[in-house]
Amino acid sequence: MSKSQYLRRISGKAIERELDPQGAVLLAYWNGLKGVNDIPLRKDFDPIAVPAALPRIQIVQYDQAEDSLTYRLVGTEEVETRGYDPTGKTIAEGFFGAALEDVIGNYRALLDAREPVCVLDRFAKKNGVFVEDISLFLPLLDEQRVLKFIMVYSYNRPTPQD
C-alpha cells in the first residue's frame, strides 16, 4: 500500500503522454538500443546521444544477490532538487520521495515488469511549492545480460488542478 495518495505507476504507450521532450527523446533512444533484445545493454548507452536529459538522469545498480539498490550516478539537476548528492548510497540511505516503501516499490515495479515504468507523484520542493514529479524508469542489462542497472529520468511540472 502506497503512503502517497497521488502515486501512480503507468506502463506501455501511456508513458509517452507523460514525458517532457527530453524524456521522450530518452525513451525513444532506449527503444532504439534494444535491437533484438527486450532490454538494452548498459554498455550501449551513449550519454552524448541524449545530452539534454543528462542533468536529470540517475543510474542505480541492482545487486540481485544482496537485493540492494545503490545510486551510481546522479545528475546535477537531481542533486539540486534533492539538496544533496546520494551517489554511492543505497536507496534506503539516499531516497527522495514521500516514503521509502513507495520509492522501493517503484524500483520493484520495474524489476518485476522488466520494461519501462513511469511514476507520477506529488511532493513539496525545498521552497514549499508542490510539484508533480514524473520519473521514467528504464532497465539496462550488464554484459552477461543480467538486469543490473536502472536508469531513472525525472522532472517536475506544476501540480494539476484537482
N, C-alpha and C. Protein backbone atom coordinates (compact mmCIF):
# COMPACT_ATOMS: atom_id res chain seq x y z
N MET A 1 0.84 -1.19 0.00
CA MET A 1 0.00 0.00 0.00
C MET A 1 0.88 1.24 0.00
N SER A 2 0.61 2.15 -0.89
CA SER A 2 1.39 3.37 -1.03
C SER A 2 1.08 4.36 0.09
N LYS A 3 2.11 5.06 0.54
CA LYS A 3 1.93 6.12 1.52
C LYS A 3 1.39 7.40 0.86
N SER A 4 1.74 7.61 -0.41
CA SER A 4 1.31 8.80 -1.12
C SER A 4 -0.06 8.58 -1.74
N GLN A 5 -0.93 9.53 -1.53
CA GLN A 5 -2.26 9.41 -2.14
C GLN A 5 -2.25 9.75 -3.62
N TYR A 6 -1.14 10.30 -4.12
CA TYR A 6 -1.05 10.71 -5.51
C TYR A 6 -0.25 9.77 -6.40
N LEU A 7 0.47 8.84 -5.81
CA LEU A 7 1.36 7.97 -6.57
C LEU A 7 0.60 7.14 -7.59
N ARG A 8 1.10 7.22 -8.86
CA ARG A 8 0.55 6.37 -9.93
C ARG A 8 1.71 5.81 -10.72
N ARG A 9 1.64 4.53 -11.06
CA ARG A 9 2.63 3.89 -11.92
C ARG A 9 1.94 3.51 -13.20
N ILE A 10 2.56 3.86 -14.33
CA ILE A 10 1.98 3.53 -15.63
C ILE A 10 3.03 2.86 -16.50
N SER A 11 2.56 2.11 -17.47
CA SER A 11 3.47 1.43 -18.39
C SER A 11 2.88 1.48 -19.79
N GLY A 12 3.61 0.92 -20.73
CA GLY A 12 3.14 0.86 -22.12
C GLY A 12 3.12 2.22 -22.80
N LYS A 13 2.27 2.35 -23.79
CA LYS A 13 2.17 3.57 -24.59
C LYS A 13 1.75 4.79 -23.78
N ALA A 14 1.05 4.58 -22.67
CA ALA A 14 0.59 5.70 -21.83
C ALA A 14 1.76 6.51 -21.28
N ILE A 15 2.93 5.91 -21.19
CA ILE A 15 4.11 6.62 -20.68
C ILE A 15 4.40 7.85 -21.54
N GLU A 16 4.32 7.68 -22.84
CA GLU A 16 4.70 8.76 -23.76
C GLU A 16 3.90 10.04 -23.52
N ARG A 17 2.66 9.92 -23.08
CA ARG A 17 1.82 11.10 -22.82
C ARG A 17 2.30 11.92 -21.63
N GLU A 18 3.08 11.31 -20.76
CA GLU A 18 3.51 11.99 -19.53
C GLU A 18 4.87 12.65 -19.64
N LEU A 19 5.63 12.33 -20.66
CA LEU A 19 7.01 12.78 -20.74
C LEU A 19 7.17 14.17 -21.34
N ASP A 20 8.16 14.88 -20.84
CA ASP A 20 8.56 16.14 -21.47
C ASP A 20 9.41 15.79 -22.70
N PRO A 21 9.79 16.77 -23.51
CA PRO A 21 10.55 16.46 -24.74
C PRO A 21 11.84 15.68 -24.50
N GLN A 22 12.61 16.02 -23.44
CA GLN A 22 13.85 15.30 -23.17
C GLN A 22 13.57 13.85 -22.77
N GLY A 23 12.53 13.64 -21.98
CA GLY A 23 12.16 12.28 -21.58
C GLY A 23 11.71 11.45 -22.78
N ALA A 24 10.98 12.08 -23.69
CA ALA A 24 10.52 11.38 -24.89
C ALA A 24 11.71 10.97 -25.76
N VAL A 25 12.71 11.85 -25.89
CA VAL A 25 13.91 11.53 -26.66
C VAL A 25 14.66 10.37 -25.99
N LEU A 26 14.78 10.42 -24.67
CA LEU A 26 15.46 9.36 -23.94
C LEU A 26 14.75 8.02 -24.13
N LEU A 27 13.43 8.00 -24.01
CA LEU A 27 12.68 6.76 -24.20
C LEU A 27 12.84 6.23 -25.63
N ALA A 28 12.77 7.11 -26.61
CA ALA A 28 12.95 6.68 -28.00
C ALA A 28 14.37 6.12 -28.20
N TYR A 29 15.36 6.76 -27.61
CA TYR A 29 16.74 6.29 -27.72
C TYR A 29 16.87 4.90 -27.07
N TRP A 30 16.30 4.73 -25.86
CA TRP A 30 16.32 3.44 -25.17
C TRP A 30 15.67 2.36 -26.05
N ASN A 31 14.51 2.67 -26.62
CA ASN A 31 13.83 1.72 -27.50
C ASN A 31 14.70 1.36 -28.70
N GLY A 32 15.42 2.34 -29.25
CA GLY A 32 16.29 2.09 -30.38
C GLY A 32 17.49 1.22 -30.03
N LEU A 33 17.93 1.27 -28.78
CA LEU A 33 19.07 0.47 -28.34
C LEU A 33 18.70 -1.00 -28.15
N LYS A 34 17.43 -1.28 -27.99
CA LYS A 34 17.01 -2.66 -27.69
C LYS A 34 17.42 -3.64 -28.77
N GLY A 35 17.30 -3.25 -30.01
CA GLY A 35 17.60 -4.18 -31.10
C GLY A 35 16.72 -5.41 -31.00
N VAL A 36 17.33 -6.58 -31.00
CA VAL A 36 16.56 -7.83 -30.89
C VAL A 36 16.32 -8.21 -29.43
N ASN A 37 16.91 -7.49 -28.51
CA ASN A 37 16.74 -7.78 -27.08
C ASN A 37 15.50 -7.07 -26.54
N ASP A 38 15.01 -7.55 -25.43
CA ASP A 38 13.91 -6.86 -24.76
C ASP A 38 14.41 -5.65 -23.99
N ILE A 39 15.66 -5.73 -23.57
CA ILE A 39 16.27 -4.68 -22.75
C ILE A 39 17.66 -4.39 -23.30
N PRO A 40 18.02 -3.12 -23.47
CA PRO A 40 19.36 -2.81 -23.99
C PRO A 40 20.46 -3.06 -22.94
N LEU A 41 21.68 -3.15 -23.45
CA LEU A 41 22.84 -3.30 -22.58
C LEU A 41 23.30 -1.93 -22.08
N ARG A 42 23.75 -1.86 -20.84
CA ARG A 42 24.25 -0.62 -20.26
C ARG A 42 25.42 -0.08 -21.09
N LYS A 43 26.28 -0.96 -21.55
CA LYS A 43 27.48 -0.52 -22.30
C LYS A 43 27.11 0.15 -23.62
N ASP A 44 25.92 -0.10 -24.13
CA ASP A 44 25.49 0.52 -25.39
C ASP A 44 24.93 1.93 -25.22
N PHE A 45 24.64 2.30 -23.97
CA PHE A 45 24.10 3.64 -23.72
C PHE A 45 25.20 4.67 -23.85
N ASP A 46 25.02 5.62 -24.77
CA ASP A 46 25.98 6.68 -25.00
C ASP A 46 25.37 8.00 -24.54
N PRO A 47 25.86 8.57 -23.44
CA PRO A 47 25.27 9.80 -22.92
C PRO A 47 25.26 10.96 -23.92
N ILE A 48 26.18 10.96 -24.85
CA ILE A 48 26.24 12.04 -25.84
C ILE A 48 25.00 12.04 -26.73
N ALA A 49 24.32 10.91 -26.83
CA ALA A 49 23.12 10.81 -27.67
C ALA A 49 21.91 11.54 -27.06
N VAL A 50 21.94 11.79 -25.75
CA VAL A 50 20.81 12.44 -25.07
C VAL A 50 21.30 13.52 -24.10
N PRO A 51 22.06 14.50 -24.60
CA PRO A 51 22.69 15.47 -23.70
C PRO A 51 21.71 16.29 -22.86
N ALA A 52 20.56 16.63 -23.40
CA ALA A 52 19.61 17.46 -22.65
C ALA A 52 19.02 16.72 -21.46
N ALA A 53 19.00 15.40 -21.50
CA ALA A 53 18.42 14.61 -20.41
C ALA A 53 19.42 14.36 -19.28
N LEU A 54 20.70 14.47 -19.54
CA LEU A 54 21.72 14.06 -18.57
C LEU A 54 21.60 14.69 -17.19
N PRO A 55 21.32 15.98 -17.05
CA PRO A 55 21.24 16.56 -15.70
C PRO A 55 20.14 15.94 -14.83
N ARG A 56 19.18 15.27 -15.46
CA ARG A 56 18.05 14.70 -14.72
C ARG A 56 18.12 13.17 -14.61
N ILE A 57 19.22 12.59 -15.02
CA ILE A 57 19.34 11.13 -15.03
C ILE A 57 20.04 10.63 -13.76
N GLN A 58 19.57 9.48 -13.32
CA GLN A 58 20.23 8.72 -12.26
C GLN A 58 20.49 7.32 -12.81
N ILE A 59 21.59 6.72 -12.42
CA ILE A 59 21.84 5.32 -12.70
C ILE A 59 21.91 4.62 -11.35
N VAL A 60 21.07 3.62 -11.19
CA VAL A 60 21.01 2.85 -9.95
C VAL A 60 21.43 1.42 -10.28
N GLN A 61 22.30 0.88 -9.45
CA GLN A 61 22.78 -0.50 -9.66
C GLN A 61 21.98 -1.43 -8.76
N TYR A 62 21.49 -2.51 -9.37
CA TYR A 62 20.75 -3.52 -8.62
C TYR A 62 21.65 -4.73 -8.42
N ASP A 63 21.82 -5.13 -7.18
CA ASP A 63 22.58 -6.33 -6.85
C ASP A 63 21.58 -7.39 -6.41
N GLN A 64 21.34 -8.35 -7.29
CA GLN A 64 20.33 -9.37 -7.02
C GLN A 64 20.71 -10.23 -5.82
N ALA A 65 21.97 -10.59 -5.68
CA ALA A 65 22.42 -11.44 -4.58
C ALA A 65 22.17 -10.78 -3.23
N GLU A 66 22.42 -9.48 -3.17
CA GLU A 66 22.24 -8.72 -1.92
C GLU A 66 20.84 -8.10 -1.83
N ASP A 67 20.10 -8.15 -2.94
CA ASP A 67 18.82 -7.48 -3.06
C ASP A 67 18.93 -6.01 -2.64
N SER A 68 19.93 -5.35 -3.23
CA SER A 68 20.17 -3.95 -2.88
C SER A 68 20.18 -3.08 -4.12
N LEU A 69 19.87 -1.82 -3.92
CA LEU A 69 19.84 -0.80 -4.96
C LEU A 69 20.74 0.34 -4.50
N THR A 70 21.72 0.73 -5.35
CA THR A 70 22.68 1.75 -4.98
C THR A 70 22.78 2.80 -6.08
N TYR A 71 22.75 4.07 -5.68
CA TYR A 71 22.94 5.16 -6.64
C TYR A 71 24.38 5.14 -7.14
N ARG A 72 24.56 5.05 -8.46
CA ARG A 72 25.90 5.07 -9.04
C ARG A 72 26.21 6.38 -9.74
N LEU A 73 25.19 7.06 -10.22
CA LEU A 73 25.36 8.34 -10.88
C LEU A 73 24.08 9.14 -10.65
N VAL A 74 24.24 10.42 -10.31
CA VAL A 74 23.08 11.28 -10.09
C VAL A 74 23.37 12.61 -10.78
N GLY A 75 22.51 12.99 -11.72
CA GLY A 75 22.68 14.21 -12.49
C GLY A 75 22.60 15.47 -11.65
N THR A 76 23.13 16.54 -12.20
CA THR A 76 23.24 17.80 -11.46
C THR A 76 21.88 18.39 -11.06
N GLU A 77 20.88 18.32 -11.93
CA GLU A 77 19.55 18.84 -11.56
C GLU A 77 18.91 17.99 -10.48
N GLU A 78 19.16 16.68 -10.51
CA GLU A 78 18.65 15.80 -9.46
C GLU A 78 19.27 16.16 -8.12
N VAL A 79 20.57 16.39 -8.12
CA VAL A 79 21.26 16.77 -6.88
C VAL A 79 20.70 18.09 -6.36
N GLU A 80 20.50 19.04 -7.26
CA GLU A 80 19.96 20.35 -6.86
C GLU A 80 18.55 20.22 -6.29
N THR A 81 17.70 19.44 -6.94
CA THR A 81 16.33 19.25 -6.46
C THR A 81 16.33 18.62 -5.07
N ARG A 82 17.20 17.63 -4.85
CA ARG A 82 17.25 16.93 -3.58
C ARG A 82 17.92 17.76 -2.48
N GLY A 83 18.89 18.58 -2.90
CA GLY A 83 19.68 19.31 -1.92
C GLY A 83 20.86 18.51 -1.39
N TYR A 84 21.14 17.37 -1.99
CA TYR A 84 22.27 16.53 -1.61
C TYR A 84 22.55 15.55 -2.75
N ASP A 85 23.75 14.97 -2.72
CA ASP A 85 24.15 14.00 -3.74
C ASP A 85 24.18 12.61 -3.12
N PRO A 86 23.26 11.72 -3.52
CA PRO A 86 23.23 10.38 -2.93
C PRO A 86 24.15 9.36 -3.62
N THR A 87 25.00 9.80 -4.53
CA THR A 87 25.87 8.86 -5.25
C THR A 87 26.65 8.01 -4.25
N GLY A 88 26.61 6.68 -4.47
CA GLY A 88 27.30 5.74 -3.60
C GLY A 88 26.45 5.23 -2.44
N LYS A 89 25.31 5.85 -2.21
CA LYS A 89 24.42 5.43 -1.12
C LYS A 89 23.37 4.46 -1.65
N THR A 90 22.86 3.64 -0.75
CA THR A 90 21.74 2.77 -1.12
C THR A 90 20.48 3.62 -1.23
N ILE A 91 19.47 3.07 -1.86
CA ILE A 91 18.19 3.79 -1.95
C ILE A 91 17.68 4.12 -0.56
N ALA A 92 17.79 3.19 0.36
CA ALA A 92 17.31 3.42 1.74
C ALA A 92 18.04 4.60 2.39
N GLU A 93 19.32 4.79 2.07
CA GLU A 93 20.11 5.87 2.67
C GLU A 93 19.88 7.21 1.97
N GLY A 94 19.57 7.20 0.67
CA GLY A 94 19.56 8.45 -0.07
C GLY A 94 18.29 8.73 -0.85
N PHE A 95 17.20 8.03 -0.54
CA PHE A 95 15.98 8.20 -1.36
C PHE A 95 15.41 9.60 -1.24
N PHE A 96 14.63 9.95 -2.25
CA PHE A 96 13.95 11.24 -2.30
C PHE A 96 12.51 10.95 -2.68
N GLY A 97 11.61 11.13 -1.77
CA GLY A 97 10.21 10.85 -2.02
C GLY A 97 9.44 10.91 -0.71
N ALA A 98 8.14 10.68 -0.80
CA ALA A 98 7.29 10.77 0.38
C ALA A 98 7.60 9.67 1.39
N ALA A 99 7.88 8.45 0.89
CA ALA A 99 8.12 7.33 1.80
C ALA A 99 9.05 6.31 1.14
N LEU A 100 9.93 5.73 1.93
CA LEU A 100 10.86 4.74 1.41
C LEU A 100 10.12 3.59 0.74
N GLU A 101 9.04 3.12 1.32
CA GLU A 101 8.33 1.99 0.73
C GLU A 101 7.79 2.32 -0.66
N ASP A 102 7.40 3.56 -0.91
CA ASP A 102 6.96 3.96 -2.25
C ASP A 102 8.12 3.95 -3.23
N VAL A 103 9.25 4.50 -2.81
CA VAL A 103 10.42 4.58 -3.69
C VAL A 103 10.91 3.17 -4.03
N ILE A 104 11.04 2.32 -3.02
CA ILE A 104 11.44 0.92 -3.27
C ILE A 104 10.40 0.25 -4.18
N GLY A 105 9.13 0.53 -3.95
CA GLY A 105 8.06 -0.05 -4.77
C GLY A 105 8.20 0.33 -6.24
N ASN A 106 8.67 1.54 -6.51
CA ASN A 106 8.88 1.96 -7.90
C ASN A 106 9.96 1.12 -8.58
N TYR A 107 11.05 0.88 -7.87
CA TYR A 107 12.12 0.04 -8.42
C TYR A 107 11.65 -1.41 -8.56
N ARG A 108 10.90 -1.90 -7.60
CA ARG A 108 10.37 -3.27 -7.66
C ARG A 108 9.43 -3.42 -8.87
N ALA A 109 8.63 -2.40 -9.13
CA ALA A 109 7.72 -2.46 -10.28
C ALA A 109 8.51 -2.64 -11.57
N LEU A 110 9.63 -1.93 -11.70
CA LEU A 110 10.46 -2.08 -12.89
C LEU A 110 11.12 -3.46 -12.92
N LEU A 111 11.65 -3.90 -11.80
CA LEU A 111 12.32 -5.21 -11.77
C LEU A 111 11.34 -6.33 -12.10
N ASP A 112 10.10 -6.21 -11.66
CA ASP A 112 9.08 -7.22 -11.97
C ASP A 112 8.65 -7.15 -13.44
N ALA A 113 8.43 -5.94 -13.95
CA ALA A 113 7.93 -5.77 -15.31
C ALA A 113 9.02 -5.98 -16.36
N ARG A 114 10.26 -5.62 -16.02
CA ARG A 114 11.39 -5.69 -16.96
C ARG A 114 11.10 -4.89 -18.23
N GLU A 115 10.42 -3.78 -18.05
CA GLU A 115 10.12 -2.85 -19.13
C GLU A 115 9.97 -1.46 -18.52
N PRO A 116 9.95 -0.41 -19.34
CA PRO A 116 9.84 0.94 -18.79
C PRO A 116 8.59 1.11 -17.91
N VAL A 117 8.80 1.86 -16.85
CA VAL A 117 7.72 2.21 -15.93
C VAL A 117 7.82 3.71 -15.68
N CYS A 118 6.70 4.38 -15.67
CA CYS A 118 6.66 5.81 -15.37
C CYS A 118 5.89 5.99 -14.07
N VAL A 119 6.44 6.81 -13.18
CA VAL A 119 5.82 7.04 -11.88
C VAL A 119 5.49 8.52 -11.77
N LEU A 120 4.25 8.81 -11.39
CA LEU A 120 3.81 10.17 -11.14
C LEU A 120 3.48 10.30 -9.67
N ASP A 121 3.99 11.36 -9.06
CA ASP A 121 3.71 11.60 -7.64
C ASP A 121 3.79 13.11 -7.40
N ARG A 122 3.39 13.52 -6.23
CA ARG A 122 3.45 14.94 -5.86
C ARG A 122 4.24 15.08 -4.57
N PHE A 123 4.99 16.19 -4.49
CA PHE A 123 5.72 16.47 -3.25
C PHE A 123 6.02 17.96 -3.20
N ALA A 124 6.43 18.41 -2.01
CA ALA A 124 6.83 19.80 -1.83
C ALA A 124 8.33 19.92 -2.02
N LYS A 125 8.72 20.88 -2.84
CA LYS A 125 10.15 21.16 -3.03
C LYS A 125 10.68 21.85 -1.78
N LYS A 126 12.00 22.10 -1.77
CA LYS A 126 12.62 22.75 -0.61
C LYS A 126 11.96 24.08 -0.27
N ASN A 127 11.44 24.78 -1.28
CA ASN A 127 10.80 26.09 -1.05
C ASN A 127 9.34 25.97 -0.63
N GLY A 128 8.84 24.73 -0.47
CA GLY A 128 7.46 24.51 -0.02
C GLY A 128 6.43 24.45 -1.14
N VAL A 129 6.85 24.70 -2.38
CA VAL A 129 5.94 24.66 -3.52
C VAL A 129 5.71 23.21 -3.94
N PHE A 130 4.44 22.83 -4.08
CA PHE A 130 4.12 21.48 -4.51
C PHE A 130 4.26 21.36 -6.03
N VAL A 131 4.83 20.25 -6.45
CA VAL A 131 5.01 19.94 -7.87
C VAL A 131 4.60 18.50 -8.10
N GLU A 132 4.35 18.19 -9.36
CA GLU A 132 4.16 16.81 -9.75
C GLU A 132 5.50 16.31 -10.28
N ASP A 133 5.96 15.21 -9.76
CA ASP A 133 7.22 14.61 -10.18
C ASP A 133 6.92 13.46 -11.11
N ILE A 134 7.57 13.45 -12.26
CA ILE A 134 7.42 12.37 -13.23
C ILE A 134 8.77 11.69 -13.35
N SER A 135 8.82 10.38 -13.10
CA SER A 135 10.06 9.63 -13.17
C SER A 135 9.88 8.45 -14.12
N LEU A 136 10.77 8.39 -15.10
CA LEU A 136 10.79 7.31 -16.07
C LEU A 136 11.88 6.33 -15.67
N PHE A 137 11.51 5.08 -15.41
CA PHE A 137 12.44 4.03 -15.00
C PHE A 137 12.70 3.14 -16.21
N LEU A 138 13.99 2.97 -16.56
CA LEU A 138 14.37 2.17 -17.73
C LEU A 138 15.39 1.11 -17.31
N PRO A 139 15.11 -0.16 -17.61
CA PRO A 139 16.05 -1.22 -17.25
C PRO A 139 17.21 -1.30 -18.23
N LEU A 140 18.37 -1.71 -17.73
CA LEU A 140 19.56 -1.92 -18.55
C LEU A 140 20.26 -3.20 -18.08
N LEU A 141 20.75 -3.98 -19.05
CA LEU A 141 21.43 -5.23 -18.75
C LEU A 141 22.94 -5.02 -18.67
N ASP A 142 23.61 -5.87 -17.87
CA ASP A 142 25.06 -5.87 -17.90
C ASP A 142 25.54 -6.76 -19.05
N GLU A 143 26.82 -6.96 -19.18
CA GLU A 143 27.36 -7.72 -20.31
C GLU A 143 26.98 -9.20 -20.28
N GLN A 144 26.58 -9.70 -19.11
CA GLN A 144 26.11 -11.09 -19.01
C GLN A 144 24.59 -11.18 -19.21
N ARG A 145 24.01 -10.06 -19.62
CA ARG A 145 22.57 -9.96 -19.88
C ARG A 145 21.72 -10.16 -18.62
N VAL A 146 22.24 -9.64 -17.51
CA VAL A 146 21.53 -9.64 -16.23
C VAL A 146 21.02 -8.22 -16.00
N LEU A 147 19.78 -8.08 -15.55
CA LEU A 147 19.24 -6.77 -15.26
C LEU A 147 19.96 -6.23 -14.02
N LYS A 148 20.89 -5.33 -14.26
CA LYS A 148 21.75 -4.85 -13.19
C LYS A 148 21.68 -3.35 -12.99
N PHE A 149 21.16 -2.63 -13.97
CA PHE A 149 21.12 -1.17 -13.87
C PHE A 149 19.72 -0.65 -14.18
N ILE A 150 19.37 0.40 -13.49
CA ILE A 150 18.10 1.07 -13.73
C ILE A 150 18.43 2.54 -13.94
N MET A 151 18.05 3.03 -15.12
CA MET A 151 18.21 4.44 -15.41
C MET A 151 16.89 5.12 -15.06
N VAL A 152 16.99 6.23 -14.33
CA VAL A 152 15.80 6.97 -13.95
C VAL A 152 15.96 8.40 -14.46
N TYR A 153 14.95 8.86 -15.18
CA TYR A 153 14.91 10.24 -15.66
C TYR A 153 13.75 10.91 -14.94
N SER A 154 14.00 12.03 -14.26
CA SER A 154 12.93 12.70 -13.51
C SER A 154 12.84 14.17 -13.87
N TYR A 155 11.63 14.67 -13.83
CA TYR A 155 11.42 16.11 -13.97
C TYR A 155 10.14 16.48 -13.21
N ASN A 156 9.99 17.77 -12.96
CA ASN A 156 8.83 18.29 -12.23
C ASN A 156 8.03 19.20 -13.12
N ARG A 157 6.75 19.24 -12.85
CA ARG A 157 5.86 20.20 -13.52
C ARG A 157 4.85 20.69 -12.47
N PRO A 158 4.19 21.81 -12.76
CA PRO A 158 3.20 22.28 -11.78
C PRO A 158 2.15 21.21 -11.52
N THR A 159 1.63 21.17 -10.31
CA THR A 159 0.61 20.16 -10.00
C THR A 159 -0.66 20.47 -10.76
N PRO A 160 -1.32 19.39 -11.25
CA PRO A 160 -2.59 19.60 -11.93
C PRO A 160 -3.66 20.07 -10.95
N GLN A 161 -4.62 20.78 -11.46
CA GLN A 161 -5.72 21.23 -10.62
C GLN A 161 -6.63 20.06 -10.33
N ASP A 162 -6.92 19.81 -9.07
CA ASP A 162 -7.80 18.69 -8.69
C ASP A 162 -9.25 19.06 -8.79
